[in-house]
């Protein structure tokens, strides 16, 4: 298979398009809706990682929410399942809140 020049991987493409709060909200809402439909925490955690990378570095963000970078990555890789309070803390630091619509 011939590789195309100047292609970006999917994560970099998504990160580069998540520059506005509106786009980030739409992306997080879609990821959360998908999770509620299929129960796949992995893709939801991955969406959180991508949003964090769009807004900050993972190391800096982990420090702001009071957890280690390693712990945050273990959540993103679904090696650890976070408490609900951890998810709320992540959303709060991102500047968003969870609500029932």
PDB file of N, CA and C in Angstrom:
ATOM      1  N   UNK A   1       0.838  -1.174   0.000  1.00  0.00           N
ATOM      2  CA  UNK A   1       0.000   0.000   0.000  1.00  0.00           C
ATOM      3  C   UNK A   1       0.885   1.241   0.000  1.00  0.00           C
ATOM      4  N   UNK A   2       0.593   2.163  -0.855  1.00  0.00           N
ATOM      5  CA  UNK A   2       1.368   3.383  -0.975  1.00  0.00           C
ATOM      6  C   UNK A   2       0.946   4.378   0.102  1.00  0.00           C
ATOM      7  N   UNK A   3       1.923   4.930   0.827  1.00  0.00           N
ATOM      8  CA  UNK A   3       1.629   5.929   1.853  1.00  0.00           C
ATOM      9  C   UNK A   3       1.513   7.305   1.215  1.00  0.00           C
ATOM     10  N   UNK A   4       0.551   8.060   1.686  1.00  0.00           N
ATOM     11  CA  UNK A   4       0.369   9.414   1.191  1.00  0.00           C
ATOM     12  C   UNK A   4       1.294  10.368   1.925  1.00  0.00           C
ATOM     13  N   UNK A   5       1.850  11.312   1.227  1.00  0.00           N
ATOM     14  CA  UNK A   5       2.702  12.319   1.847  1.00  0.00           C
ATOM     15  C   UNK A   5       1.841  13.314   2.600  1.00  0.00           C
ATOM     16  N   UNK A   6       2.415  13.893   3.647  1.00  0.00           N
ATOM     17  CA  UNK A   6       1.776  14.974   4.405  1.00  0.00           C
ATOM     18  C   UNK A   6       0.462  14.582   5.079  1.00  0.00           C
ATOM     19  N   UNK A   7       0.358  13.324   5.476  1.00  0.00           N
ATOM     20  CA  UNK A   7      -0.848  12.921   6.195  1.00  0.00           C
ATOM     21  C   UNK A   7      -0.600  13.030   7.690  1.00  0.00           C
ATOM     22  N   UNK A   8      -1.651  13.345   8.402  1.00  0.00           N
ATOM     23  CA  UNK A   8      -1.586  13.417   9.854  1.00  0.00           C
ATOM     24  C   UNK A   8      -2.284  12.204  10.416  1.00  0.00           C
ATOM     25  N   UNK A   9      -1.823  11.757  11.570  1.00  0.00           N
ATOM     26  CA  UNK A   9      -2.590  10.689  12.195  1.00  0.00           C
ATOM     27  C   UNK A   9      -3.877  11.278  12.753  1.00  0.00           C
ATOM     28  N   UNK A  10      -4.810  10.434  13.058  1.00  0.00           N
ATOM     29  CA  UNK A  10      -6.146  10.883  13.446  1.00  0.00           C
ATOM     30  C   UNK A  10      -6.118  11.754  14.695  1.00  0.00           C
ATOM     31  N   UNK A  11      -5.325  11.363  15.695  1.00  0.00           N
ATOM     32  CA  UNK A  11      -5.282  12.163  16.930  1.00  0.00           C
ATOM     33  C   UNK A  11      -4.804  13.578  16.663  1.00  0.00           C
ATOM     34  N   UNK A  12      -3.742  13.739  15.910  1.00  0.00           N
ATOM     35  CA  UNK A  12      -3.242  15.084  15.604  1.00  0.00           C
ATOM     36  C   UNK A  12      -4.273  15.891  14.827  1.00  0.00           C
ATOM     37  N   UNK A  13      -4.983  15.232  13.949  1.00  0.00           N
ATOM     38  CA  UNK A  13      -6.031  15.915  13.188  1.00  0.00           C
ATOM     39  C   UNK A  13      -7.131  16.413  14.122  1.00  0.00           C
ATOM     40  N   UNK A  14      -7.573  15.549  15.018  1.00  0.00           N
ATOM     41  CA  UNK A  14      -8.634  15.941  15.948  1.00  0.00           C
ATOM     42  C   UNK A  14      -8.156  17.066  16.854  1.00  0.00           C
ATOM     43  N   UNK A  15      -6.961  16.912  17.435  1.00  0.00           N
ATOM     44  CA  UNK A  15      -6.414  17.939  18.326  1.00  0.00           C
ATOM     45  C   UNK A  15      -6.334  19.278  17.614  1.00  0.00           C
ATOM     46  N   UNK A  16      -5.905  19.266  16.377  1.00  0.00           N
ATOM     47  CA  UNK A  16      -5.760  20.528  15.645  1.00  0.00           C
ATOM     48  C   UNK A  16      -7.107  21.186  15.355  1.00  0.00           C
ATOM     49  N   UNK A  17      -8.185  20.413  15.373  1.00  0.00           N
ATOM     50  CA  UNK A  17      -9.515  20.965  15.115  1.00  0.00           C
ATOM     51  C   UNK A  17     -10.290  21.274  16.385  1.00  0.00           C
ATOM     52  N   UNK A  18      -9.702  21.048  17.526  1.00  0.00           N
ATOM     53  CA  UNK A  18     -10.364  21.339  18.799  1.00  0.00           C
ATOM     54  C   UNK A  18      -9.792  22.614  19.403  1.00  0.00           C
ATOM     55  N   UNK A  19      -9.877  23.684  18.681  1.00  0.00           N
ATOM     56  CA  UNK A  19      -9.308  24.944  19.156  1.00  0.00           C
ATOM     57  C   UNK A  19     -10.334  25.847  19.830  1.00  0.00           C
ATOM     58  N   UNK A  20     -11.598  25.623  19.565  1.00  0.00           N
ATOM     59  CA  UNK A  20     -12.615  26.464  20.204  1.00  0.00           C
ATOM     60  C   UNK A  20     -13.350  25.659  21.268  1.00  0.00           C
ATOM     61  N   UNK A  21     -13.841  26.366  22.269  1.00  0.00           N
ATOM     62  CA  UNK A  21     -14.615  25.701  23.314  1.00  0.00           C
ATOM     63  C   UNK A  21     -15.854  25.028  22.736  1.00  0.00           C
ATOM     64  N   UNK A  22     -16.451  25.638  21.737  1.00  0.00           N
ATOM     65  CA  UNK A  22     -17.650  25.059  21.127  1.00  0.00           C
ATOM     66  C   UNK A  22     -17.340  23.699  20.497  1.00  0.00           C
ATOM     67  N   UNK A  23     -16.234  23.606  19.755  1.00  0.00           N
ATOM     68  CA  UNK A  23     -15.852  22.330  19.149  1.00  0.00           C
ATOM     69  C   UNK A  23     -15.522  21.285  20.210  1.00  0.00           C
ATOM     70  N   UNK A  24     -14.864  21.716  21.274  1.00  0.00           N
ATOM     71  CA  UNK A  24     -14.529  20.790  22.357  1.00  0.00           C
ATOM     72  C   UNK A  24     -15.804  20.272  23.019  1.00  0.00           C
ATOM     73  N   UNK A  25     -16.751  21.161  23.283  1.00  0.00           N
ATOM     74  CA  UNK A  25     -18.021  20.735  23.888  1.00  0.00           C
ATOM     75  C   UNK A  25     -18.754  19.737  22.995  1.00  0.00           C
ATOM     76  N   UNK A  26     -18.795  20.027  21.704  1.00  0.00           N
ATOM     77  CA  UNK A  26     -19.455  19.117  20.769  1.00  0.00           C
ATOM     78  C   UNK A  26     -18.778  17.752  20.777  1.00  0.00           C
ATOM     79  N   UNK A  27     -17.456  17.743  20.776  1.00  0.00           N
ATOM     80  CA  UNK A  27     -16.684  16.503  20.777  1.00  0.00           C
ATOM     81  C   UNK A  27     -16.911  15.712  22.066  1.00  0.00           C
ATOM     82  N   UNK A  28     -16.848  16.386  23.210  1.00  0.00           N
ATOM     83  CA  UNK A  28     -17.061  15.697  24.489  1.00  0.00           C
ATOM     84  C   UNK A  28     -18.500  15.185  24.606  1.00  0.00           C
ATOM     85  N   UNK A  29     -19.466  15.988  24.181  1.00  0.00           N
ATOM     86  CA  UNK A  29     -20.861  15.546  24.226  1.00  0.00           C
ATOM     87  C   UNK A  29     -21.087  14.324  23.337  1.00  0.00           C
ATOM     88  N   UNK A  30     -20.493  14.326  22.157  1.00  0.00           N
ATOM     89  CA  UNK A  30     -20.626  13.168  21.257  1.00  0.00           C
ATOM     90  C   UNK A  30     -19.972  11.936  21.873  1.00  0.00           C
ATOM     91  N   UNK A  31     -18.811  12.113  22.480  1.00  0.00           N
ATOM     92  CA  UNK A  31     -18.112  10.988  23.121  1.00  0.00           C
ATOM     93  C   UNK A  31     -18.903  10.445  24.302  1.00  0.00           C
ATOM     94  N   UNK A  32     -19.471  11.348  25.085  1.00  0.00           N
ATOM     95  CA  UNK A  32     -20.276  10.930  26.229  1.00  0.00           C
ATOM     96  C   UNK A  32     -21.550  10.221  25.756  1.00  0.00           C
ATOM     97  N   UNK A  33     -22.171  10.734  24.715  1.00  0.00           N
ATOM     98  CA  UNK A  33     -23.375  10.100  24.171  1.00  0.00           C
ATOM     99  C   UNK A  33     -23.042   8.699  23.653  1.00  0.00           C
ATOM    100  N   UNK A  34     -21.924   8.575  22.945  1.00  0.00           N
ATOM    101  CA  UNK A  34     -21.496   7.251  22.459  1.00  0.00           C
ATOM    102  C   UNK A  34     -21.290   6.290  23.625  1.00  0.00           C
ATOM    103  N   UNK A  35     -20.655   6.780  24.685  1.00  0.00           N
ATOM    104  CA  UNK A  35     -20.440   5.930  25.855  1.00  0.00           C
ATOM    105  C   UNK A  35     -21.774   5.460  26.438  1.00  0.00           C
ATOM    106  N   UNK A  36     -22.729   6.354  26.559  1.00  0.00           N
ATOM    107  CA  UNK A  36     -24.034   5.997  27.118  1.00  0.00           C
ATOM    108  C   UNK A  36     -24.750   4.973  26.244  1.00  0.00           C
ATOM    109  N   UNK A  37     -24.501   5.009  24.938  1.00  0.00           N
ATOM    110  CA  UNK A  37     -25.136   4.070  24.021  1.00  0.00           C
ATOM    111  C   UNK A  37     -24.437   2.713  23.991  1.00  0.00           C
ATOM    112  N   UNK A  38     -23.095   2.724  23.990  1.00  0.00           N
ATOM    113  CA  UNK A  38     -22.386   1.451  23.826  1.00  0.00           C
ATOM    114  C   UNK A  38     -21.616   0.982  25.063  1.00  0.00           C
ATOM    115  N   UNK A  39     -21.523   1.824  26.087  1.00  0.00           N
ATOM    116  CA  UNK A  39     -20.842   1.431  27.315  1.00  0.00           C
ATOM    117  C   UNK A  39     -19.331   1.319  27.194  1.00  0.00           C
ATOM    118  N   UNK A  40     -18.758   1.861  26.129  1.00  0.00           N
ATOM    119  CA  UNK A  40     -17.316   1.760  25.900  1.00  0.00           C
ATOM    120  C   UNK A  40     -16.584   2.926  26.568  1.00  0.00           C
ATOM    121  N   UNK A  41     -16.134   2.661  27.812  1.00  0.00           N
ATOM    122  CA  UNK A  41     -15.373   3.680  28.527  1.00  0.00           C
ATOM    123  C   UNK A  41     -14.095   4.054  27.786  1.00  0.00           C
ATOM    124  N   UNK A  42     -13.482   3.085  27.113  1.00  0.00           N
ATOM    125  CA  UNK A  42     -12.196   3.329  26.454  1.00  0.00           C
ATOM    126  C   UNK A  42     -12.242   4.520  25.514  1.00  0.00           C
ATOM    127  N   UNK A  43     -13.253   4.591  24.668  1.00  0.00           N
ATOM    128  CA  UNK A  43     -13.306   5.702  23.720  1.00  0.00           C
ATOM    129  C   UNK A  43     -13.612   7.017  24.421  1.00  0.00           C
ATOM    130  N   UNK A  44     -14.399   6.964  25.498  1.00  0.00           N
ATOM    131  CA  UNK A  44     -14.671   8.180  26.257  1.00  0.00           C
ATOM    132  C   UNK A  44     -13.398   8.700  26.926  1.00  0.00           C
ATOM    133  N   UNK A  45     -12.635   7.805  27.556  1.00  0.00           N
ATOM    134  CA  UNK A  45     -11.366   8.217  28.181  1.00  0.00           C
ATOM    135  C   UNK A  45     -10.402   8.754  27.140  1.00  0.00           C
ATOM    136  N   UNK A  46     -10.397   8.142  25.970  1.00  0.00           N
ATOM    137  CA  UNK A  46      -9.518   8.596  24.885  1.00  0.00           C
ATOM    138  C   UNK A  46      -9.915  10.004  24.450  1.00  0.00           C
ATOM    139  N   UNK A  47     -11.216  10.274  24.405  1.00  0.00           N
ATOM    140  CA  UNK A  47     -11.686  11.615  24.052  1.00  0.00           C
ATOM    141  C   UNK A  47     -11.222  12.632  25.083  1.00  0.00           C
ATOM    142  N   UNK A  48     -11.269  12.263  26.369  1.00  0.00           N
ATOM    143  CA  UNK A  48     -10.766  13.169  27.408  1.00  0.00           C
ATOM    144  C   UNK A  48      -9.289  13.463  27.206  1.00  0.00           C
ATOM    145  N   UNK A  49      -8.521  12.435  26.877  1.00  0.00           N
ATOM    146  CA  UNK A  49      -7.087  12.633  26.636  1.00  0.00           C
ATOM    147  C   UNK A  49      -6.863  13.602  25.477  1.00  0.00           C
ATOM    148  N   UNK A  50      -7.583  13.430  24.404  1.00  0.00           N
ATOM    149  CA  UNK A  50      -7.418  14.289  23.232  1.00  0.00           C
ATOM    150  C   UNK A  50      -7.784  15.735  23.563  1.00  0.00           C
ATOM    151  N   UNK A  51      -8.851  15.931  24.329  1.00  0.00           N
ATOM    152  CA  UNK A  51      -9.257  17.286  24.719  1.00  0.00           C
ATOM    153  C   UNK A  51      -8.200  17.921  25.613  1.00  0.00           C
ATOM    154  N   UNK A  52      -7.678  17.152  26.554  1.00  0.00           N
ATOM    155  CA  UNK A  52      -6.630  17.677  27.431  1.00  0.00           C
ATOM    156  C   UNK A  52      -5.421  18.098  26.597  1.00  0.00           C
ATOM    157  N   UNK A  53      -5.041  17.286  25.629  1.00  0.00           N
ATOM    158  CA  UNK A  53      -3.902  17.625  24.767  1.00  0.00           C
ATOM    159  C   UNK A  53      -4.196  18.853  23.909  1.00  0.00           C
ATOM    160  N   UNK A  54      -5.450  19.061  23.563  1.00  0.00           N
ATOM    161  CA  UNK A  54      -5.809  20.239  22.770  1.00  0.00           C
ATOM    162  C   UNK A  54      -5.720  21.508  23.598  1.00  0.00           C
ATOM    163  N   UNK A  55      -5.932  21.392  24.914  1.00  0.00           N
ATOM    164  CA  UNK A  55      -5.950  22.574  25.788  1.00  0.00           C
ATOM    165  C   UNK A  55      -4.660  22.789  26.560  1.00  0.00           C
ATOM    166  N   UNK A  56      -3.871  21.727  26.763  1.00  0.00           N
ATOM    167  CA  UNK A  56      -2.741  21.792  27.689  1.00  0.00           C
ATOM    168  C   UNK A  56      -1.830  20.595  27.426  1.00  0.00           C
ATOM    169  N   UNK A  57      -0.791  20.460  28.232  1.00  0.00           N
ATOM    170  CA  UNK A  57      -0.014  19.221  28.196  1.00  0.00           C
ATOM    171  C   UNK A  57      -0.580  18.290  29.262  1.00  0.00           C
ATOM    172  N   UNK A  58      -0.403  17.011  29.070  1.00  0.00           N
ATOM    173  CA  UNK A  58      -0.915  16.042  30.039  1.00  0.00           C
ATOM    174  C   UNK A  58      -0.219  16.237  31.384  1.00  0.00           C
ATOM    175  N   UNK A  59       1.071  16.479  31.386  1.00  0.00           N
ATOM    176  CA  UNK A  59       1.809  16.681  32.638  1.00  0.00           C
ATOM    177  C   UNK A  59       1.293  17.884  33.416  1.00  0.00           C
ATOM    178  N   UNK A  60       1.126  18.992  32.739  1.00  0.00           N
ATOM    179  CA  UNK A  60       0.637  20.206  33.383  1.00  0.00           C
ATOM    180  C   UNK A  60      -0.788  20.015  33.880  1.00  0.00           C
ATOM    181  N   UNK A  61      -1.617  19.373  33.082  1.00  0.00           N
ATOM    182  CA  UNK A  61      -3.000  19.151  33.472  1.00  0.00           C
ATOM    183  C   UNK A  61      -3.075  18.243  34.697  1.00  0.00           C
ATOM    184  N   UNK A  62      -2.279  17.183  34.705  1.00  0.00           N
ATOM    185  CA  UNK A  62      -2.272  16.257  35.846  1.00  0.00           C
ATOM    186  C   UNK A  62      -1.910  16.995  37.124  1.00  0.00           C
ATOM    187  N   UNK A  63      -0.941  17.869  37.030  1.00  0.00           N
ATOM    188  CA  UNK A  63      -0.540  18.654  38.202  1.00  0.00           C
ATOM    189  C   UNK A  63      -1.693  19.536  38.686  1.00  0.00           C
ATOM    190  N   UNK A  64      -2.402  20.143  37.754  1.00  0.00           N
ATOM    191  CA  UNK A  64      -3.516  21.032  38.110  1.00  0.00           C
ATOM    192  C   UNK A  64      -4.655  20.291  38.813  1.00  0.00           C
ATOM    193  N   UNK A  65      -4.895  19.030  38.436  1.00  0.00           N
ATOM    194  CA  UNK A  65      -5.978  18.269  39.065  1.00  0.00           C
ATOM    195  C   UNK A  65      -5.492  17.433  40.243  1.00  0.00           C
ATOM    196  N   UNK A  66      -4.201  17.542  40.550  1.00  0.00           N
ATOM    197  CA  UNK A  66      -3.674  16.877  41.736  1.00  0.00           C
ATOM    198  C   UNK A  66      -3.474  15.380  41.602  1.00  0.00           C
ATOM    199  N   UNK A  67      -3.062  14.930  40.410  1.00  0.00           N
ATOM    200  CA  UNK A  67      -2.744  13.516  40.241  1.00  0.00           C
ATOM    201  C   UNK A  67      -1.483  13.396  39.409  1.00  0.00           C
ATOM    202  N   UNK A  68      -0.903  12.245  39.422  1.00  0.00           N
ATOM    203  CA  UNK A  68       0.327  12.055  38.655  1.00  0.00           C
ATOM    204  C   UNK A  68      -0.004  11.868  37.180  1.00  0.00           C
ATOM    205  N   UNK A  69       0.952  12.197  36.352  1.00  0.00           N
ATOM    206  CA  UNK A  69       0.807  12.006  34.904  1.00  0.00           C
ATOM    207  C   UNK A  69       0.592  10.523  34.610  1.00  0.00           C
ATOM    208  N   UNK A  70       1.318   9.688  35.332  1.00  0.00           N
ATOM    209  CA  UNK A  70       1.212   8.240  35.150  1.00  0.00           C
ATOM    210  C   UNK A  70      -0.204   7.750  35.445  1.00  0.00           C
ATOM    211  N   UNK A  71      -0.790   8.260  36.528  1.00  0.00           N
ATOM    212  CA  UNK A  71      -2.151   7.867  36.883  1.00  0.00           C
ATOM    213  C   UNK A  71      -3.142   8.319  35.808  1.00  0.00           C
ATOM    214  N   UNK A  72      -2.966   9.527  35.317  1.00  0.00           N
ATOM    215  CA  UNK A  72      -3.849  10.045  34.275  1.00  0.00           C
ATOM    216  C   UNK A  72      -3.738   9.189  33.012  1.00  0.00           C
ATOM    217  N   UNK A  73      -2.520   8.844  32.622  1.00  0.00           N
ATOM    218  CA  UNK A  73      -2.343   7.986  31.444  1.00  0.00           C
ATOM    219  C   UNK A  73      -2.937   6.597  31.664  1.00  0.00           C
ATOM    220  N   UNK A  74      -2.873   6.083  32.890  1.00  0.00           N
ATOM    221  CA  UNK A  74      -3.452   4.766  33.155  1.00  0.00           C
ATOM    222  C   UNK A  74      -4.971   4.802  32.992  1.00  0.00           C
ATOM    223  N   UNK A  75      -5.572   5.947  33.256  1.00  0.00           N
ATOM    224  CA  UNK A  75      -7.016   6.116  33.001  1.00  0.00           C
ATOM    225  C   UNK A  75      -7.264   6.139  31.491  1.00  0.00           C
ATOM    226  N   UNK A  76      -6.470   6.912  30.758  1.00  0.00           N
ATOM    227  CA  UNK A  76      -6.641   7.019  29.314  1.00  0.00           C
ATOM    228  C   UNK A  76      -6.493   5.666  28.624  1.00  0.00           C
ATOM    229  N   UNK A  77      -5.608   4.816  29.168  1.00  0.00           N
ATOM    230  CA  UNK A  77      -5.365   3.495  28.579  1.00  0.00           C
ATOM    231  C   UNK A  77      -6.312   2.440  29.133  1.00  0.00           C
ATOM    232  N   UNK A  78      -7.255   2.866  29.963  1.00  0.00           N
ATOM    233  CA  UNK A  78      -8.237   1.969  30.594  1.00  0.00           C
ATOM    234  C   UNK A  78      -7.588   0.913  31.478  1.00  0.00           C
ATOM    235  N   UNK A  79      -6.416   1.224  32.002  1.00  0.00           N
ATOM    236  CA  UNK A  79      -5.767   0.329  32.954  1.00  0.00           C
ATOM    237  C   UNK A  79      -6.368   0.509  34.344  1.00  0.00           C
ATOM    238  N   UNK A  80      -6.896   1.704  34.591  1.00  0.00           N
ATOM    239  CA  UNK A  80      -7.569   2.013  35.852  1.00  0.00           C
ATOM    240  C   UNK A  80      -8.884   2.692  35.526  1.00  0.00           C
ATOM    241  N   UNK A  81      -9.918   2.348  36.285  1.00  0.00           N
ATOM    242  CA  UNK A  81     -11.204   3.006  36.104  1.00  0.00           C
ATOM    243  C   UNK A  81     -11.336   4.085  37.166  1.00  0.00           C
ATOM    244  N   UNK A  82     -11.491   5.327  36.730  1.00  0.00           N
ATOM    245  CA  UNK A  82     -11.535   6.421  37.704  1.00  0.00           C
ATOM    246  C   UNK A  82     -12.855   6.459  38.462  1.00  0.00           C
ATOM    247  N   UNK A  83     -12.798   7.059  39.626  1.00  0.00           N
ATOM    248  CA  UNK A  83     -14.015   7.338  40.366  1.00  0.00           C
ATOM    249  C   UNK A  83     -14.768   8.433  39.612  1.00  0.00           C
ATOM    250  N   UNK A  84     -16.062   8.504  39.854  1.00  0.00           N
ATOM    251  CA  UNK A  84     -16.867   9.553  39.235  1.00  0.00           C
ATOM    252  C   UNK A  84     -16.335  10.931  39.630  1.00  0.00           C
ATOM    253  N   UNK A  85     -15.889  11.054  40.867  1.00  0.00           N
ATOM    254  CA  UNK A  85     -15.359  12.340  41.333  1.00  0.00           C
ATOM    255  C   UNK A  85     -14.126  12.763  40.533  1.00  0.00           C
ATOM    256  N   UNK A  86     -13.358  11.802  40.065  1.00  0.00           N
ATOM    257  CA  UNK A  86     -12.182  12.114  39.241  1.00  0.00           C
ATOM    258  C   UNK A  86     -12.612  12.665  37.891  1.00  0.00           C
ATOM    259  N   UNK A  87     -13.629  12.060  37.295  1.00  0.00           N
ATOM    260  CA  UNK A  87     -14.141  12.548  36.016  1.00  0.00           C
ATOM    261  C   UNK A  87     -14.685  13.964  36.177  1.00  0.00           C
ATOM    262  N   UNK A  88     -15.414  14.192  37.266  1.00  0.00           N
ATOM    263  CA  UNK A  88     -15.953  15.534  37.523  1.00  0.00           C
ATOM    264  C   UNK A  88     -14.804  16.532  37.691  1.00  0.00           C
ATOM    265  N   UNK A  89     -13.758  16.135  38.402  1.00  0.00           N
ATOM    266  CA  UNK A  89     -12.590  17.011  38.607  1.00  0.00           C
ATOM    267  C   UNK A  89     -11.930  17.346  37.269  1.00  0.00           C
ATOM    268  N   UNK A  90     -11.816  16.360  36.389  1.00  0.00           N
ATOM    269  CA  UNK A  90     -11.229  16.583  35.071  1.00  0.00           C
ATOM    270  C   UNK A  90     -12.082  17.569  34.276  1.00  0.00           C
ATOM    271  N   UNK A  91     -13.400  17.343  34.256  1.00  0.00           N
ATOM    272  CA  UNK A  91     -14.290  18.259  33.542  1.00  0.00           C
ATOM    273  C   UNK A  91     -14.204  19.672  34.113  1.00  0.00           C
ATOM    274  N   UNK A  92     -14.181  19.770  35.431  1.00  0.00           N
ATOM    275  CA  UNK A  92     -14.112  21.088  36.072  1.00  0.00           C
ATOM    276  C   UNK A  92     -12.830  21.823  35.673  1.00  0.00           C
ATOM    277  N   UNK A  93     -11.708  21.125  35.678  1.00  0.00           N
ATOM    278  CA  UNK A  93     -10.441  21.755  35.298  1.00  0.00           C
ATOM    279  C   UNK A  93     -10.440  22.147  33.819  1.00  0.00           C
ATOM    280  N   UNK A  94     -11.134  21.380  32.995  1.00  0.00           N
ATOM    281  CA  UNK A  94     -11.255  21.738  31.584  1.00  0.00           C
ATOM    282  C   UNK A  94     -12.173  22.944  31.385  1.00  0.00           C
ATOM    283  N   UNK A  95     -12.961  23.265  32.417  1.00  0.00           N
ATOM    284  CA  UNK A  95     -13.866  24.404  32.326  1.00  0.00           C
ATOM    285  C   UNK A  95     -15.280  24.016  31.937  1.00  0.00           C
ATOM    286  N   UNK A  96     -15.618  22.746  32.086  1.00  0.00           N
ATOM    287  CA  UNK A  96     -16.945  22.257  31.723  1.00  0.00           C
ATOM    288  C   UNK A  96     -17.590  21.582  32.911  1.00  0.00           C
ATOM    289  N   UNK A  97     -18.894  21.352  32.804  1.00  0.00           N
ATOM    290  CA  UNK A  97     -19.613  20.651  33.855  1.00  0.00           C
ATOM    291  C   UNK A  97     -20.489  19.579  33.216  1.00  0.00           C
ATOM    292  N   UNK A  98     -20.803  18.573  33.997  1.00  0.00           N
ATOM    293  CA  UNK A  98     -21.701  17.530  33.535  1.00  0.00           C
ATOM    294  C   UNK A  98     -23.110  17.897  33.957  1.00  0.00           C
ATOM    295  N   UNK A  99     -24.068  17.675  33.086  1.00  0.00           N
ATOM    296  CA  UNK A  99     -25.444  17.942  33.448  1.00  0.00           C
ATOM    297  C   UNK A  99     -26.350  16.961  32.726  1.00  0.00           C
ATOM    298  N   UNK A 100     -27.501  16.767  33.273  1.00  0.00           N
ATOM    299  CA  UNK A 100     -28.492  15.898  32.647  1.00  0.00           C
ATOM    300  C   UNK A 100     -29.353  16.769  31.756  1.00  0.00           C
ATOM    301  N   UNK A 101     -29.484  16.343  30.513  1.00  0.00           N
ATOM    302  CA  UNK A 101     -30.270  17.135  29.553  1.00  0.00           C
ATOM    303  C   UNK A 101     -31.550  16.429  29.200  1.00  0.00           C
TER     304      UNK A 101
END
